[in-house]
Amino acid sequence: MAAPRFVLASGSPRRSAVLAAAGFTFEVAIPDVDETRFPGESAAAMVERLAAIKANAISDITAVVLGVDTTVVLDGVPLGKPRDEEDAVATLLRLSGREHVVLSGWAILHEERVASAVERTVVAMHAIDRATAEAYAASGEPMDKAGAYAIQGDGGAFVASISGSFHNVMGMPVEALTPALARFDISPASRP
């Protein structure tokens, strides 16, 4: 019996790149969902809920659908994507010289089956001065990233250390997802 089709419910090029590099074959469908945090909702509950909503938004009941949502949490407060360059600079200065947590919620749906979880990575940042933060924000790289930095890009220079999955910080915790997807008969086609 052939494996079911696999659909990634995300328009993120980073998520697609990580999944492809891990050897998965998949289609992309971009969900249209409201990502507003509920009042009083924890960051972990929010990312798991949004991952499920993203997966559910794809109306393909024959496919295995994966939804993922990621946020950066500092002092218990989720930091979303920056609104503009000024917000990106402010976020980077808040993260400067401190540890924060990256949470990715994921949900896999196929017919009546559901699996979901939240992955956690702790990231320690080097000190970042205002001029460096402003130059980085002006590059445009942080503008669509939770926490206003891309660990796989120039923003990786700000990272002193991580405890947990590097790929989770990119928004695709592939280490945890690989065994979870195998339970839905989705496995990497090849290892590069």
Foldseek 3Di string as FASTA:
>chain_A
DDAFAEEEQDPDPLQVVVCVQQQFDHHYDHADDDLDDDVPDFPFNSQQVQQVVSQVRDPDQRHWYKGKDKFKADPRDTFAAAPALVSLLVLLQSLAQAKIKMKMKMWIDHNPDIDIGIFIKIWGFHGDDSVRSSVLSVVVQQRHAHSSAACVPPSVVGTPDMDGDPSVNSGHRVVVVQVVVVVSVTHRPDND
